[in-house]
Amino acid sequence: NNMNNTNSGAKTKIVSLTASNLRSNNLNNSLHSHGDNQDETSLRVKLQMIEGDLIRRQSDYVAKERAYKARIEDLEEELNAQKTSKTGWMNSDPKVQKLKAA
C-alpha cells in the first residue's frame, strides 16, 4: 500500500506539473500570439505609411516632371523666337537668297 501511495503521489505530481506546464505554455502562446498580433499590426501600420509615402512621392514626381516639361517648352519657344529675330532678315535679303540658290 505504501508503494501504491508513493506511485500515486508521484503520478499526482507529474499530472500537476504537466497541468502547470500546459497552463504556462498556453500563457506563453497567448502572449506570443498577442505579440505576433502587435508585430503584425505594427508592420501593417508601417506598410501603410510606406505606401502613403510612395504615393506622395510619385505625385510630387509627376507634378515636378510636368513643370519641367512646361518650362522646357517655354524655353524652346523663346529660343526659336530669338533665332527668328536674329536670322529672320535673311529670308528677305536678295543676296542671301542668291547664296542659298547656288
N, C-alpha and C. Protein backbone atom coordinates (compact mmCIF):
# COMPACT_ATOMS: atom_id res chain seq x y z
N ASN A 1 0.81 -1.19 0.00
CA ASN A 1 0.00 0.00 0.00
C ASN A 1 0.85 1.26 0.00
N ASN A 2 1.92 1.21 0.79
CA ASN A 2 2.81 2.35 0.86
C ASN A 2 3.41 2.63 -0.50
N MET A 3 3.69 1.58 -1.23
CA MET A 3 4.26 1.72 -2.56
C MET A 3 3.22 2.32 -3.51
N ASN A 4 1.98 1.90 -3.35
CA ASN A 4 0.91 2.46 -4.17
C ASN A 4 0.73 3.95 -3.88
N ASN A 5 0.84 4.33 -2.61
CA ASN A 5 0.72 5.74 -2.24
C ASN A 5 1.86 6.55 -2.82
N THR A 6 3.07 5.98 -2.84
CA THR A 6 4.23 6.66 -3.41
C THR A 6 4.03 6.83 -4.90
N ASN A 7 3.60 5.77 -5.57
CA ASN A 7 3.34 5.86 -7.01
C ASN A 7 2.21 6.83 -7.29
N SER A 8 1.20 6.79 -6.48
CA SER A 8 0.07 7.68 -6.65
C SER A 8 0.50 9.12 -6.44
N GLY A 9 1.33 9.34 -5.44
CA GLY A 9 1.85 10.69 -5.17
C GLY A 9 2.72 11.18 -6.31
N ALA A 10 3.53 10.31 -6.86
CA ALA A 10 4.39 10.66 -7.98
C ALA A 10 3.56 10.97 -9.21
N LYS A 11 2.52 10.15 -9.43
CA LYS A 11 1.63 10.39 -10.57
C LYS A 11 0.91 11.72 -10.42
N THR A 12 0.49 12.02 -9.19
CA THR A 12 -0.19 13.29 -8.93
C THR A 12 0.74 14.45 -9.21
N LYS A 13 2.01 14.30 -8.76
CA LYS A 13 2.99 15.35 -9.02
C LYS A 13 3.21 15.53 -10.52
N ILE A 14 3.31 14.44 -11.24
CA ILE A 14 3.53 14.51 -12.69
C ILE A 14 2.34 15.17 -13.37
N VAL A 15 1.14 14.74 -12.97
CA VAL A 15 -0.06 15.33 -13.55
C VAL A 15 -0.12 16.81 -13.21
N SER A 16 0.23 17.14 -11.95
CA SER A 16 0.21 18.53 -11.52
C SER A 16 1.23 19.36 -12.30
N LEU A 17 2.43 18.82 -12.44
CA LEU A 17 3.47 19.51 -13.21
C LEU A 17 3.07 19.65 -14.68
N THR A 18 2.47 18.59 -15.21
CA THR A 18 2.05 18.63 -16.61
C THR A 18 0.97 19.69 -16.80
N ALA A 19 0.01 19.74 -15.89
CA ALA A 19 -1.04 20.75 -15.97
C ALA A 19 -0.44 22.15 -15.83
N SER A 20 0.51 22.28 -14.93
CA SER A 20 1.17 23.57 -14.74
C SER A 20 1.93 23.98 -16.00
N ASN A 21 2.62 23.03 -16.58
CA ASN A 21 3.34 23.30 -17.83
C ASN A 21 2.39 23.70 -18.95
N LEU A 22 1.25 23.00 -19.03
CA LEU A 22 0.27 23.33 -20.06
C LEU A 22 -0.25 24.74 -19.88
N ARG A 23 -0.57 25.11 -18.62
CA ARG A 23 -1.05 26.46 -18.36
C ARG A 23 0.03 27.49 -18.74
N SER A 24 1.27 27.17 -18.36
CA SER A 24 2.38 28.07 -18.66
C SER A 24 2.57 28.20 -20.18
N ASN A 25 2.51 27.08 -20.87
CA ASN A 25 2.65 27.11 -22.33
C ASN A 25 1.50 27.88 -22.98
N ASN A 26 0.28 27.65 -22.47
CA ASN A 26 -0.86 28.38 -23.02
C ASN A 26 -0.70 29.88 -22.81
N LEU A 27 -0.21 30.24 -21.60
CA LEU A 27 0.02 31.65 -21.32
C LEU A 27 1.08 32.21 -22.25
N ASN A 28 2.20 31.45 -22.40
CA ASN A 28 3.25 31.90 -23.30
C ASN A 28 2.76 32.00 -24.73
N ASN A 29 1.98 31.00 -25.15
CA ASN A 29 1.44 31.03 -26.52
C ASN A 29 0.51 32.21 -26.72
N SER A 30 -0.33 32.49 -25.73
CA SER A 30 -1.24 33.62 -25.89
C SER A 30 -0.46 34.92 -25.87
N LEU A 31 0.57 35.01 -25.04
CA LEU A 31 1.40 36.21 -25.05
C LEU A 31 2.15 36.31 -26.36
N HIS A 32 2.66 35.17 -26.83
CA HIS A 32 3.40 35.16 -28.09
C HIS A 32 2.49 35.53 -29.26
N SER A 33 1.29 34.95 -29.28
CA SER A 33 0.38 35.28 -30.37
C SER A 33 -0.07 36.72 -30.25
N HIS A 34 -0.23 37.21 -29.00
CA HIS A 34 -0.56 38.62 -28.81
C HIS A 34 0.59 39.48 -29.33
N GLY A 35 1.82 39.05 -29.04
CA GLY A 35 2.99 39.75 -29.56
C GLY A 35 3.02 39.71 -31.07
N ASP A 36 2.66 38.56 -31.63
CA ASP A 36 2.59 38.44 -33.10
C ASP A 36 1.57 39.40 -33.66
N ASN A 37 0.41 39.50 -32.98
CA ASN A 37 -0.63 40.42 -33.43
C ASN A 37 -0.13 41.86 -33.38
N GLN A 38 0.61 42.18 -32.30
CA GLN A 38 1.17 43.52 -32.20
C GLN A 38 2.20 43.75 -33.29
N ASP A 39 3.05 42.75 -33.53
CA ASP A 39 4.05 42.86 -34.59
C ASP A 39 3.37 43.02 -35.94
N GLU A 40 2.34 42.22 -36.17
CA GLU A 40 1.61 42.29 -37.44
C GLU A 40 0.95 43.65 -37.59
N THR A 41 0.33 44.13 -36.53
CA THR A 41 -0.30 45.45 -36.57
C THR A 41 0.74 46.53 -36.82
N SER A 42 1.86 46.41 -36.14
CA SER A 42 2.94 47.38 -36.32
C SER A 42 3.44 47.36 -37.76
N LEU A 43 3.61 46.16 -38.31
CA LEU A 43 4.07 46.05 -39.69
C LEU A 43 3.05 46.60 -40.67
N ARG A 44 1.76 46.35 -40.39
CA ARG A 44 0.71 46.90 -41.26
C ARG A 44 0.72 48.43 -41.23
N VAL A 45 0.90 48.99 -40.05
CA VAL A 45 0.96 50.46 -39.92
C VAL A 45 2.16 51.00 -40.70
N LYS A 46 3.30 50.33 -40.55
CA LYS A 46 4.50 50.75 -41.28
C LYS A 46 4.29 50.63 -42.78
N LEU A 47 3.65 49.53 -43.21
CA LEU A 47 3.37 49.33 -44.63
C LEU A 47 2.46 50.43 -45.16
N GLN A 48 1.43 50.78 -44.40
CA GLN A 48 0.53 51.86 -44.83
C GLN A 48 1.27 53.18 -44.92
N MET A 49 2.18 53.43 -43.97
CA MET A 49 2.97 54.67 -44.01
C MET A 49 3.87 54.69 -45.24
N ILE A 50 4.50 53.57 -45.54
CA ILE A 50 5.40 53.49 -46.69
C ILE A 50 4.62 53.64 -47.99
N GLU A 51 3.44 52.98 -48.07
CA GLU A 51 2.62 53.11 -49.27
C GLU A 51 2.15 54.55 -49.45
N GLY A 52 1.77 55.20 -48.35
CA GLY A 52 1.36 56.61 -48.42
C GLY A 52 2.51 57.49 -48.88
N ASP A 53 3.70 57.21 -48.36
CA ASP A 53 4.89 57.96 -48.76
C ASP A 53 5.19 57.75 -50.24
N LEU A 54 5.03 56.53 -50.71
CA LEU A 54 5.25 56.22 -52.13
C LEU A 54 4.28 57.01 -53.01
N ILE A 55 3.01 57.00 -52.64
CA ILE A 55 2.00 57.72 -53.42
C ILE A 55 2.32 59.22 -53.45
N ARG A 56 2.70 59.77 -52.30
CA ARG A 56 3.05 61.19 -52.23
C ARG A 56 4.26 61.50 -53.10
N ARG A 57 5.28 60.65 -53.02
CA ARG A 57 6.48 60.88 -53.83
C ARG A 57 6.20 60.76 -55.32
N GLN A 58 5.35 59.80 -55.69
CA GLN A 58 5.01 59.64 -57.10
C GLN A 58 4.26 60.87 -57.62
N SER A 59 3.31 61.36 -56.84
CA SER A 59 2.56 62.53 -57.29
C SER A 59 3.45 63.76 -57.33
N ASP A 60 4.38 63.90 -56.37
CA ASP A 60 5.34 65.00 -56.40
C ASP A 60 6.22 64.90 -57.65
N TYR A 61 6.66 63.69 -57.97
CA TYR A 61 7.49 63.48 -59.14
C TYR A 61 6.75 63.87 -60.42
N VAL A 62 5.50 63.42 -60.53
CA VAL A 62 4.71 63.73 -61.72
C VAL A 62 4.50 65.24 -61.84
N ALA A 63 4.19 65.90 -60.73
CA ALA A 63 3.98 67.35 -60.75
C ALA A 63 5.26 68.07 -61.18
N LYS A 64 6.40 67.65 -60.63
CA LYS A 64 7.68 68.28 -61.00
C LYS A 64 7.99 68.03 -62.47
N GLU A 65 7.74 66.80 -62.93
CA GLU A 65 8.02 66.47 -64.33
C GLU A 65 7.18 67.34 -65.27
N ARG A 66 5.90 67.52 -64.93
CA ARG A 66 5.04 68.38 -65.75
C ARG A 66 5.54 69.81 -65.76
N ALA A 67 5.97 70.30 -64.61
CA ALA A 67 6.50 71.67 -64.52
C ALA A 67 7.78 71.80 -65.36
N TYR A 68 8.65 70.79 -65.29
CA TYR A 68 9.89 70.83 -66.09
C TYR A 68 9.58 70.81 -67.58
N LYS A 69 8.63 69.97 -67.99
CA LYS A 69 8.27 69.90 -69.41
C LYS A 69 7.70 71.23 -69.89
N ALA A 70 6.85 71.83 -69.06
CA ALA A 70 6.28 73.14 -69.43
C ALA A 70 7.39 74.18 -69.55
N ARG A 71 8.34 74.15 -68.62
CA ARG A 71 9.47 75.10 -68.67
C ARG A 71 10.32 74.87 -69.90
N ILE A 72 10.57 73.61 -70.24
CA ILE A 72 11.36 73.29 -71.44
C ILE A 72 10.65 73.81 -72.69
N GLU A 73 9.33 73.59 -72.78
CA GLU A 73 8.57 74.08 -73.94
C GLU A 73 8.66 75.60 -74.03
N ASP A 74 8.53 76.29 -72.90
CA ASP A 74 8.64 77.76 -72.90
C ASP A 74 10.02 78.21 -73.38
N LEU A 75 11.06 77.54 -72.89
CA LEU A 75 12.42 77.90 -73.28
C LEU A 75 12.68 77.61 -74.76
N GLU A 76 12.12 76.50 -75.27
CA GLU A 76 12.27 76.19 -76.69
C GLU A 76 11.59 77.24 -77.56
N GLU A 77 10.40 77.66 -77.14
CA GLU A 77 9.70 78.71 -77.87
C GLU A 77 10.50 80.01 -77.85
N GLU A 78 11.05 80.34 -76.70
CA GLU A 78 11.87 81.55 -76.59
C GLU A 78 13.11 81.45 -77.46
N LEU A 79 13.74 80.29 -77.49
CA LEU A 79 14.92 80.07 -78.32
C LEU A 79 14.58 80.23 -79.80
N ASN A 80 13.47 79.62 -80.22
CA ASN A 80 13.05 79.75 -81.62
C ASN A 80 12.74 81.20 -81.97
N ALA A 81 12.12 81.93 -81.05
CA ALA A 81 11.82 83.34 -81.29
C ALA A 81 13.11 84.14 -81.43
N GLN A 82 14.09 83.84 -80.59
CA GLN A 82 15.38 84.53 -80.69
C GLN A 82 16.09 84.22 -82.02
N LYS A 83 16.05 82.96 -82.42
CA LYS A 83 16.66 82.57 -83.70
C LYS A 83 16.00 83.31 -84.85
N THR A 84 14.67 83.35 -84.81
CA THR A 84 13.92 84.00 -85.88
C THR A 84 14.22 85.50 -85.91
N SER A 85 14.31 86.11 -84.75
CA SER A 85 14.58 87.55 -84.72
C SER A 85 16.01 87.86 -85.18
N LYS A 86 16.93 86.96 -84.92
CA LYS A 86 18.34 87.19 -85.32
C LYS A 86 18.57 86.87 -86.80
N THR A 87 17.88 85.85 -87.30
CA THR A 87 18.14 85.41 -88.68
C THR A 87 16.97 85.67 -89.62
N GLY A 88 15.89 86.25 -89.12
CA GLY A 88 14.71 86.48 -89.94
C GLY A 88 14.97 87.40 -91.12
N TRP A 89 15.85 88.35 -90.97
CA TRP A 89 16.16 89.27 -92.05
C TRP A 89 16.75 88.57 -93.27
N MET A 90 17.36 87.39 -93.03
CA MET A 90 17.99 86.66 -94.14
C MET A 90 16.96 86.16 -95.14
N ASN A 91 15.74 85.90 -94.68
CA ASN A 91 14.70 85.38 -95.58
C ASN A 91 14.31 86.41 -96.65
N SER A 92 14.44 87.69 -96.32
CA SER A 92 14.04 88.72 -97.28
C SER A 92 15.22 89.37 -97.99
N ASP A 93 16.43 89.02 -97.64
CA ASP A 93 17.62 89.63 -98.27
C ASP A 93 17.91 88.93 -99.58
N PRO A 94 18.00 89.68 -100.70
CA PRO A 94 18.25 89.07 -102.03
C PRO A 94 19.64 88.42 -102.12
N LYS A 95 20.64 88.97 -101.42
CA LYS A 95 21.99 88.40 -101.50
C LYS A 95 22.02 87.00 -100.87
N VAL A 96 21.34 86.87 -99.76
CA VAL A 96 21.28 85.57 -99.07
C VAL A 96 20.51 84.59 -99.92
N GLN A 97 19.46 85.05 -100.56
CA GLN A 97 18.66 84.18 -101.44
C GLN A 97 19.51 83.65 -102.57
N LYS A 98 20.39 84.49 -103.14
CA LYS A 98 21.27 84.05 -104.23
C LYS A 98 22.26 83.00 -103.71
N LEU A 99 22.78 83.24 -102.50
CA LEU A 99 23.72 82.27 -101.94
C LEU A 99 23.04 80.91 -101.68
N LYS A 100 21.80 80.96 -101.22
CA LYS A 100 21.07 79.73 -100.96
C LYS A 100 20.77 78.99 -102.26
N ALA A 101 20.52 79.71 -103.31
CA ALA A 101 20.17 79.12 -104.60
C ALA A 101 21.40 78.46 -105.23
N ALA A 102 22.57 78.95 -104.94
CA ALA A 102 23.77 78.44 -105.60
C ALA A 102 24.26 77.14 -105.10
